[in-house]
Protein backbone atom coordinates (compact mmCIF):
# COMPACT_ATOMS: atom_id res chain seq x y z
CA MET A 1 -6.70 3.34 18.11
CA ALA A 2 -4.01 5.68 16.74
CA LEU A 3 -3.87 8.28 13.95
CA SER A 4 -0.66 8.79 11.97
CA PRO A 5 0.99 12.22 12.38
CA ASP A 6 0.07 13.25 8.84
CA GLY A 7 -3.56 12.16 9.30
CA ARG A 8 -3.50 9.63 6.41
CA TRP A 9 -3.59 6.35 8.37
CA LEU A 10 -5.67 4.95 11.20
CA ALA A 11 -4.42 2.04 13.32
CA THR A 12 -7.12 0.02 15.06
CA ALA A 13 -6.80 -2.82 17.59
CA LEU A 14 -9.54 -5.45 17.09
CA ALA A 15 -11.12 -7.65 19.75
CA SER A 16 -9.53 -10.67 18.04
CA GLY A 17 -6.07 -9.31 18.87
CA GLN A 18 -5.37 -8.15 15.33
CA GLU A 19 -4.03 -4.72 14.47
CA MET A 20 -5.07 -3.00 11.24
CA VAL A 21 -3.62 0.04 9.48
CA GLN A 22 -5.96 1.46 6.87
CA PRO A 23 -6.38 4.73 4.94
CA VAL A 24 -8.51 7.32 6.69
CA ASN A 25 -10.35 8.01 3.43
CA GLY A 26 -11.36 4.35 3.01
CA GLY A 27 -9.95 1.33 1.21
CA ARG A 28 -8.49 -1.99 2.28
CA ALA A 29 -6.08 -2.38 5.17
CA ARG A 30 -2.44 -1.77 4.26
CA VAL A 31 -1.17 -3.84 7.23
CA LYS A 32 -2.98 -6.51 9.21
CA THR A 33 -1.39 -8.71 11.85
CA ARG A 34 -2.53 -12.33 12.20
CA GLN A 35 -5.31 -13.28 14.55
CA GLY A 36 -4.00 -14.39 17.95
CA GLN A 37 -0.73 -12.45 17.76
CA ARG A 38 -0.02 -10.39 20.88
CA LEU A 39 0.85 -6.84 19.89
CA ALA A 40 3.27 -5.46 22.49
CA ALA A 41 3.96 -2.02 21.00
CA PHE A 42 3.01 0.11 18.01
CA GLN A 43 4.46 3.29 16.52
CA PHE A 44 4.03 5.50 13.42
CA ALA A 45 7.06 7.28 11.97
CA PRO A 46 6.86 11.09 12.24
CA ASN A 47 5.80 11.59 8.61
CA GLY A 48 3.37 8.64 8.58
CA ASN A 49 5.15 6.68 5.84
CA THR A 50 6.31 3.82 8.08
CA VAL A 51 4.71 1.82 10.86
CA ALA A 52 6.60 -0.32 13.37
CA TYR A 53 5.21 -2.84 15.83
CA GLN A 54 6.56 -5.40 18.23
CA ILE A 55 4.82 -8.78 18.55
CA ASP A 56 5.16 -10.91 21.68
CA GLN A 57 7.63 -9.34 24.10
CA GLN A 58 9.18 -12.72 24.87
CA GLU A 59 10.39 -13.11 21.27
CA THR A 60 10.93 -9.36 20.74
CA LEU A 61 9.97 -9.64 17.07
CA TYR A 62 10.32 -6.07 15.80
CA THR A 63 8.55 -5.52 12.49
CA ILE A 64 8.63 -2.45 10.24
CA TRP A 65 6.28 -1.93 7.29
CA SER A 66 6.73 0.76 4.67
CA LEU A 67 3.51 2.60 3.80
CA ALA A 68 5.14 4.67 1.06
CA PRO A 69 4.29 3.78 -2.56
CA GLY A 70 6.90 1.95 -4.64
CA SER A 71 8.11 2.35 -8.21
CA VAL A 72 5.36 2.10 -10.82
CA LEU A 73 5.67 0.51 -14.28
CA ARG A 74 5.04 2.94 -17.10
CA SER A 75 4.35 2.64 -20.82
CA GLY A 76 5.35 5.80 -22.64
CA LYS A 77 3.97 8.73 -20.69
CA GLY A 78 1.14 6.76 -19.08
CA LEU A 79 0.78 4.00 -16.52
CA TYR A 80 1.34 0.41 -17.63
CA HIS A 81 -1.60 -1.98 -17.16
CA ALA A 82 -1.23 -5.76 -16.75
CA GLU A 83 -3.27 -8.81 -15.79
CA GLU A 84 -0.44 -10.99 -14.41
CA VAL A 85 3.00 -10.49 -12.85
CA GLU A 86 5.79 -12.99 -12.13
CA PHE A 87 9.48 -12.83 -11.21
CA ASN A 88 11.99 -15.24 -12.71
CA ARG A 89 13.92 -17.45 -10.30
CA SER A 90 16.88 -15.07 -10.01
CA GLY A 91 14.57 -12.13 -9.27
CA LYS A 92 16.40 -10.07 -11.89
CA VAL A 93 13.55 -10.09 -14.42
CA LEU A 94 9.86 -9.36 -13.92
CA ALA A 95 7.45 -10.74 -16.52
CA THR A 96 4.06 -9.12 -17.08
CA VAL A 97 1.15 -9.79 -19.40
CA PRO A 98 -0.54 -6.60 -20.65
CA GLU A 99 -4.29 -6.54 -20.18
CA GLY A 100 -6.21 -8.31 -22.96
CA THR A 101 -3.17 -9.30 -25.06
CA ASP A 102 -1.04 -12.34 -25.97
CA ILE A 103 2.16 -10.37 -25.26
CA ALA A 104 4.74 -10.98 -22.53
CA ASP A 105 6.74 -7.94 -21.40
CA PHE A 106 9.99 -8.24 -19.45
CA TRP A 107 11.32 -5.62 -17.01
CA ASN A 108 14.39 -4.87 -14.94
CA PRO A 109 12.85 -4.55 -11.44
CA ASP A 110 15.80 -2.51 -10.12
CA ASP A 111 15.36 0.52 -12.39
CA VAL A 112 11.86 -0.32 -13.76
CA THR A 113 13.02 -0.27 -17.38
CA GLN A 114 11.44 -2.50 -20.01
CA LEU A 115 13.88 -5.09 -21.41
CA ARG A 116 11.82 -6.52 -24.29
CA SER A 117 8.41 -7.75 -25.44
CA GLU A 118 7.41 -11.13 -26.81
CA PRO A 119 4.22 -11.16 -28.95
CA GLY A 120 2.11 -14.15 -29.99
CA MET A 121 2.50 -15.96 -26.67
CA ARG A 122 0.17 -18.62 -25.28
CA ARG A 123 2.36 -19.71 -22.37
CA ALA A 124 5.92 -18.95 -21.24
CA GLU A 125 8.30 -20.47 -18.67
CA PHE A 126 11.65 -19.08 -17.49
CA SER A 127 14.71 -21.24 -17.10
CA PRO A 128 15.70 -21.39 -13.40
CA ASP A 129 18.52 -18.86 -13.84
CA GLY A 130 16.31 -16.56 -15.93
CA SER A 131 18.62 -16.50 -18.96
CA LEU A 132 16.34 -18.58 -21.23
CA LEU A 133 12.63 -18.58 -21.95
CA ALA A 134 10.44 -21.33 -23.40
CA ILE A 135 7.43 -19.90 -25.25
CA GLN A 136 4.41 -21.67 -26.67
CA ARG A 137 3.20 -19.63 -29.63
CA ALA A 138 -0.39 -19.17 -30.71
CA ASN A 139 0.28 -21.53 -33.65
CA GLY A 140 1.32 -24.33 -31.27
CA THR A 141 5.09 -24.24 -31.79
CA VAL A 142 7.42 -24.06 -28.78
CA ASP A 143 10.49 -21.81 -29.00
CA VAL A 144 13.43 -21.65 -26.62
CA VAL A 145 14.91 -18.13 -26.75
CA ASP A 146 17.51 -16.17 -24.82
CA MET A 147 16.71 -12.78 -23.34
CA THR A 148 17.84 -11.01 -26.53
CA GLY A 149 15.17 -12.91 -28.48
CA ARG A 150 17.56 -15.28 -30.29
CA VAL A 151 15.84 -18.62 -30.98
CA LEU A 152 17.94 -21.56 -29.75
CA ARG A 153 15.48 -24.34 -30.52
CA GLN A 154 12.08 -24.46 -32.21
CA LEU A 155 9.74 -27.44 -31.88
CA GLN A 156 6.89 -27.66 -34.36
CA LYS A 157 3.34 -28.47 -33.28
CA ARG A 158 2.62 -32.18 -33.37
CA ALA A 159 -0.36 -33.36 -35.41
CA ASP A 160 -1.39 -36.08 -32.96
CA ALA A 161 -1.08 -34.33 -29.55
CA ASP A 162 -1.19 -30.90 -27.93
CA VAL A 163 1.44 -29.38 -25.64
CA GLU A 164 0.32 -29.23 -22.02
CA ARG A 165 3.27 -27.75 -20.07
CA PHE A 166 7.06 -27.48 -20.34
CA ALA A 167 10.16 -26.66 -18.28
CA ILE A 168 13.85 -25.92 -18.86
CA SER A 169 16.50 -27.72 -16.80
CA TRP A 170 18.65 -25.79 -14.31
CA ASP A 171 21.74 -26.14 -16.53
CA ASN A 172 19.83 -24.80 -19.58
CA ARG A 173 20.61 -27.96 -21.57
CA ARG A 174 17.23 -29.72 -21.71
CA LEU A 175 13.57 -28.93 -22.30
CA ALA A 176 10.85 -31.24 -20.95
CA ILE A 177 7.37 -31.14 -22.52
CA THR A 178 4.20 -32.98 -21.48
CA LEU A 179 1.71 -33.81 -24.24
CA SER A 180 -2.01 -34.50 -24.19
CA ASP A 181 -1.45 -38.17 -25.13
CA GLY A 182 0.36 -38.70 -21.81
CA SER A 183 3.87 -38.85 -23.23
CA ILE A 184 6.75 -36.81 -21.79
CA HIS A 185 9.46 -35.61 -24.17
CA VAL A 186 12.88 -34.46 -22.96
CA TYR A 187 14.80 -32.55 -25.68
CA GLU A 188 18.47 -31.60 -25.75
CA ILE A 189 18.27 -27.88 -26.55
CA ASP A 190 21.51 -27.72 -28.55
CA THR A 191 21.04 -30.89 -30.66
CA GLY A 192 17.27 -31.47 -30.57
CA ARG A 193 17.69 -35.13 -29.48
CA ASP A 194 14.40 -36.40 -28.03
CA THR A 195 14.03 -38.87 -25.13
CA VAL A 196 10.47 -40.10 -24.61
CA LEU A 197 9.22 -41.11 -21.16
CA SER A 198 6.07 -43.11 -20.59
CA GLY A 199 3.54 -41.06 -18.66
CA LYS A 200 -0.18 -41.05 -17.99
CA ARG A 201 -2.92 -39.16 -19.76
CA GLY A 202 -3.67 -36.00 -17.88
CA SER A 203 0.01 -35.40 -17.02
CA GLU A 204 0.58 -31.69 -17.23
CA VAL A 205 2.95 -29.90 -14.84
CA VAL A 206 6.65 -30.69 -15.13
CA ALA A 207 9.80 -29.54 -13.27
CA PHE A 208 13.50 -30.49 -13.26
CA GLY A 209 15.49 -30.99 -10.07
CA PRO A 210 18.60 -28.79 -9.73
CA ASP A 211 21.06 -31.58 -10.63
CA GLY A 212 19.01 -32.66 -13.68
CA ARG A 213 18.70 -36.24 -12.44
CA VAL A 214 15.07 -35.99 -11.33
CA LEU A 215 12.02 -34.87 -13.30
CA ALA A 216 8.76 -34.27 -11.43
CA VAL A 217 5.43 -34.57 -13.26
CA GLY A 218 1.91 -33.93 -11.95
CA GLY A 219 -1.53 -34.09 -13.51
CA ASP A 220 -5.27 -34.24 -13.16
CA ASP A 221 -5.26 -37.35 -10.92
CA GLY A 222 -3.49 -35.37 -8.15
CA VAL A 223 -0.47 -37.70 -8.10
CA VAL A 224 3.11 -36.40 -8.32
CA ARG A 225 5.50 -38.77 -10.11
CA LEU A 226 9.30 -38.63 -10.03
CA TYR A 227 11.38 -39.86 -12.97
CA ARG A 228 14.97 -40.57 -11.92
CA PHE A 229 17.31 -40.62 -14.92
CA GLY A 230 19.80 -43.49 -14.84
CA SER A 231 18.04 -45.23 -11.94
CA ARG A 232 16.58 -48.72 -11.86
CA ALA A 233 13.46 -47.31 -10.24
CA ALA A 234 12.70 -45.20 -13.30
CA MET A 235 9.44 -43.78 -11.92
CA THR A 236 8.01 -43.50 -8.41
CA GLU A 237 4.74 -42.02 -7.18
CA LEU A 238 4.81 -39.79 -4.11
CA ALA A 239 2.74 -41.12 -1.24
CA ASP A 240 0.54 -38.11 -0.45
CA PRO A 241 -1.44 -37.08 -3.56
CA HIS A 242 -3.54 -33.96 -3.96
CA LYS A 243 -7.31 -34.40 -3.92
CA ASP A 244 -7.59 -32.65 -7.27
CA ARG A 245 -5.43 -31.65 -10.23
CA VAL A 246 -1.79 -30.70 -9.63
CA ARG A 247 -1.22 -27.13 -10.82
CA GLN A 248 2.42 -26.37 -9.97
CA LEU A 249 5.71 -28.06 -9.01
CA VAL A 250 8.98 -26.52 -7.83
CA PHE A 251 12.18 -27.96 -6.34
CA SER A 252 14.08 -26.34 -3.47
CA PRO A 253 17.51 -24.91 -4.39
CA ASP A 254 19.30 -27.92 -2.87
CA GLY A 255 16.97 -30.37 -4.64
CA LYS A 256 16.08 -32.19 -1.42
CA ARG A 257 12.48 -30.99 -1.30
CA LEU A 258 9.68 -30.62 -3.81
CA ALA A 259 6.66 -28.38 -3.36
CA SER A 260 3.42 -29.13 -5.20
CA GLY A 261 0.27 -27.03 -5.47
CA GLY A 262 -3.17 -28.12 -6.58
CA ASP A 263 -6.78 -27.34 -7.25
CA ASP A 264 -7.51 -28.70 -3.76
CA GLU A 265 -6.16 -25.35 -2.49
CA MET A 266 -3.23 -27.03 -0.74
CA ALA A 267 0.55 -26.79 -1.02
CA ILE A 268 2.43 -29.97 -0.08
CA LEU A 269 6.13 -30.20 0.75
CA HIS A 270 7.71 -33.57 -0.16
CA ASP A 271 11.06 -35.14 0.66
CA VAL A 272 12.56 -36.10 -2.71
CA GLU A 273 14.73 -38.96 -1.49
CA SER A 274 12.11 -40.79 0.60
CA GLY A 275 9.00 -39.58 -1.21
CA GLN A 276 7.35 -38.82 2.12
CA THR A 277 5.35 -35.71 2.99
CA VAL A 278 7.20 -33.13 5.08
CA ALA A 279 4.36 -30.63 5.56
CA ARG A 280 1.01 -29.52 4.19
CA PHE A 281 0.11 -25.82 3.94
CA GLY A 282 -3.40 -24.44 3.52
CA PRO A 283 -6.14 -24.36 2.64
CA HIS A 284 -5.66 -21.29 0.48
CA ASP A 285 -8.43 -19.12 -0.96
CA GLY A 286 -8.15 -20.76 -4.38
CA PRO A 287 -6.05 -23.12 -6.53
CA VAL A 288 -2.32 -23.10 -5.73
CA ASP A 289 -0.58 -22.48 -9.04
CA ARG A 290 2.28 -20.24 -7.89
CA LEU A 291 5.11 -21.65 -5.73
CA VAL A 292 8.47 -20.02 -4.96
CA PHE A 293 11.21 -21.09 -2.56
CA VAL A 294 12.71 -17.96 -0.99
CA GLY A 295 16.44 -17.62 -0.39
CA ASN A 296 18.10 -20.98 0.22
CA GLY A 297 14.77 -22.68 0.84
CA GLU A 298 14.02 -21.35 4.33
CA ALA A 299 10.59 -20.12 3.24
CA LEU A 300 7.96 -21.03 0.65
CA VAL A 301 5.58 -18.63 -1.09
CA SER A 302 2.34 -20.24 -2.24
CA GLY A 303 -0.89 -19.00 -3.74
CA GLU A 304 -2.86 -18.25 -6.86
CA ALA A 305 -1.17 -16.71 -9.91
CA LYS A 306 -3.75 -13.93 -10.06
CA GLY A 307 -4.48 -13.76 -6.34
CA GLU A 308 -2.85 -13.43 -2.95
CA ARG A 309 0.27 -15.22 -1.66
CA GLN A 310 1.07 -16.84 1.68
CA VAL A 311 4.62 -17.09 3.01
CA TRP A 312 5.54 -20.13 5.13
CA ASP A 313 8.50 -20.64 7.47
CA LEU A 314 9.68 -24.14 6.50
CA ARG A 315 11.79 -24.53 9.64
CA LYS A 316 8.84 -23.98 11.97
CA GLY A 317 6.04 -25.02 9.62
CA SER A 318 4.15 -21.81 10.36
CA GLN A 319 2.82 -18.88 8.34
CA LEU A 320 5.11 -15.86 8.13
CA ALA A 321 2.95 -13.47 6.12
CA ARG A 322 -0.06 -13.10 3.89
CA LEU A 323 0.70 -10.89 0.93
CA ARG A 324 -2.47 -9.20 -0.15
CA ALA A 325 -3.13 -5.70 1.18
CA ALA A 326 -0.16 -3.64 0.06
CA GLY A 327 -1.58 -0.25 -0.83
CA GLY A 328 -4.86 0.70 -2.42
CA THR A 329 -6.94 -2.19 -3.70
CA VAL A 330 -4.72 -5.11 -4.70
CA SER A 331 -5.51 -7.87 -7.16
CA SER A 332 -2.32 -9.94 -6.92
CA VAL A 333 1.25 -9.90 -5.62
CA ASP A 334 4.43 -11.82 -6.40
CA ILE A 335 7.59 -12.03 -4.31
CA SER A 336 11.03 -12.51 -5.85
CA PRO A 337 12.87 -15.73 -4.91
CA GLY A 338 15.54 -13.65 -3.22
CA GLY A 339 12.82 -12.39 -0.92
CA ARG A 340 13.74 -8.74 -1.41
CA ARG A 341 11.16 -7.42 -3.88
CA VAL A 342 7.40 -7.57 -4.22
CA ALA A 343 5.49 -6.82 -7.42
CA VAL A 344 1.98 -5.57 -6.66
CA LEU A 345 -0.77 -5.83 -9.27
CA HIS A 346 -3.50 -3.39 -8.28
CA GLU A 347 -7.14 -3.83 -9.21
CA ASP A 348 -6.84 -0.90 -11.64
CA ARG A 349 -4.23 -3.14 -13.42
CA THR A 350 -1.28 -0.87 -12.62
CA VAL A 351 1.91 -2.53 -11.33
CA SER A 352 4.19 -1.23 -8.55
CA LEU A 353 7.43 -2.62 -7.14
CA ARG A 354 8.61 -2.32 -3.56
CA ASN A 355 11.12 -3.74 -1.11
CA TRP A 356 9.80 -6.38 1.27
CA ASP A 357 12.67 -7.80 3.33
CA SER A 358 13.15 -6.46 6.84
CA GLU A 359 16.64 -5.08 6.12
CA SER A 360 15.42 -2.94 3.24
CA MET A 361 12.36 -1.78 5.17
CA LEU A 362 14.54 -0.82 8.14
CA THR A 363 16.78 1.17 5.78
CA ASP A 364 13.70 2.90 4.38
CA ALA A 365 12.45 3.67 7.88
CA CYS A 366 15.81 5.19 8.86
CA ALA A 367 15.78 7.34 5.71
CA ILE A 368 12.25 8.53 6.46
CA ALA A 369 12.70 9.22 10.20
CA ASN A 370 16.35 10.42 9.83
CA ARG A 371 17.07 9.48 13.44
CA ASN A 372 17.43 6.55 15.81
CA LEU A 373 14.86 5.50 18.36
CA ASP A 374 15.07 7.73 21.44
CA CYS A 375 15.35 6.27 24.94
CA ALA A 376 11.61 6.33 25.64
CA GLU A 377 10.80 4.62 22.32
CA TRP A 378 13.46 1.97 22.95
CA ARG A 379 11.98 1.17 26.37
CA GLN A 380 8.51 1.03 24.79
CA PHE A 381 9.48 -1.32 21.93
CA MET A 382 12.48 -3.26 23.24
CA SER A 383 11.87 -3.45 26.98
CA GLY A 384 14.61 -5.26 28.88
CA MET A 385 17.18 -5.16 26.06
CA PRO A 386 20.32 -2.96 26.16
CA TYR A 387 20.09 0.04 23.86
CA ARG A 388 21.69 -0.14 20.42
CA LYS A 389 21.36 2.05 17.38
CA THR A 390 18.73 0.86 14.90
CA CYS A 391 20.12 3.18 12.20
CA ALA A 392 23.89 2.59 12.19
CA ALA A 393 24.76 5.69 10.12
CA LEU A 394 22.81 8.10 12.35
CA PRO A 395 23.86 9.44 15.78
CA ALA A 396 22.58 7.88 18.99
CA PRO A 397 20.34 10.00 21.22
CA LYS A 398 21.86 12.24 23.91
CA PRO A 399 22.09 11.81 26.81
CA VAL A 400 23.11 8.16 26.46
CA CYS A 401 20.27 5.70 27.14
CA ARG A 402 20.72 3.64 30.32
């Protein structure tokens, strides 16, 4: 057990091997290591705003977590309140839904300024590069707009079927829509030309592959179907279906893998070319309707849109992190596809933004401590490794560590 120097945080080692850091005055844990991890070393920064720990001396995994609060979204002079948060694929825009409204607000996460608002929204989907937005209005029409609000294409509500879901292709040229009658419509955004694909009733979720040649569709039967444009095998069903409704689909940046999430609380990673299952992740604590490939596809974030997220290492097939407790009482989190920012939706409906990648957190720790590790700390954390500066811009300790 350890108390931070400023008296705000208490670190406790549990019998299970976990380490927790929680506020002294109560509340959920800010940091919790996974059960079964071997904690080799633990250290608070002098002002208590950062905690560092080393897991498993053999791997010398050195982890730093920032305990300082991040930027907070504001509306006028007061705090902004939302019920859902989501980054676009580029991570350059954060979308939020204000509590109890049909409005979508869009923010620049770097300087926390509001870009624009979109009223009368039932559902919205970003284009992969974040420059376009498809919006289903309350009256049933679907608009494709750019981030200035200019309408590029408007599709009127059909009298014989309702819109289920929609997606914009990676090149911003096409819009795919699934309808309640089972049909799948692929529209050219500039001309409005409509190509109709034969689907199954209950088809809902839809996603384009990066090259535009593959369209993935999932529905209430748990099956994921791939439509390959220009191929003799026009439609194939993936071999490993979900046990309940498919809620989300997303392709990896290289288009070789497809992740699906479902009401069965599982995320499944598929090989697009062979149709075989690469890995299964879960079970989660609820339906998986939020999936994001991080970086170039090395990691996958999965979870519930209004709940916690889990981060998976796709090279090792293991869990990297569980994004839930990030300060105060947290309702939901979302990580940007670049892996550098986390939007935290607190249970009081306020929204804060913070850095999450190890490089940014190390920079924060150096700014807070304003010094490098001394020789004793290096031996404690990095036993057996030659000394090097952890904060490149700051002087090394004297005398020189041996």
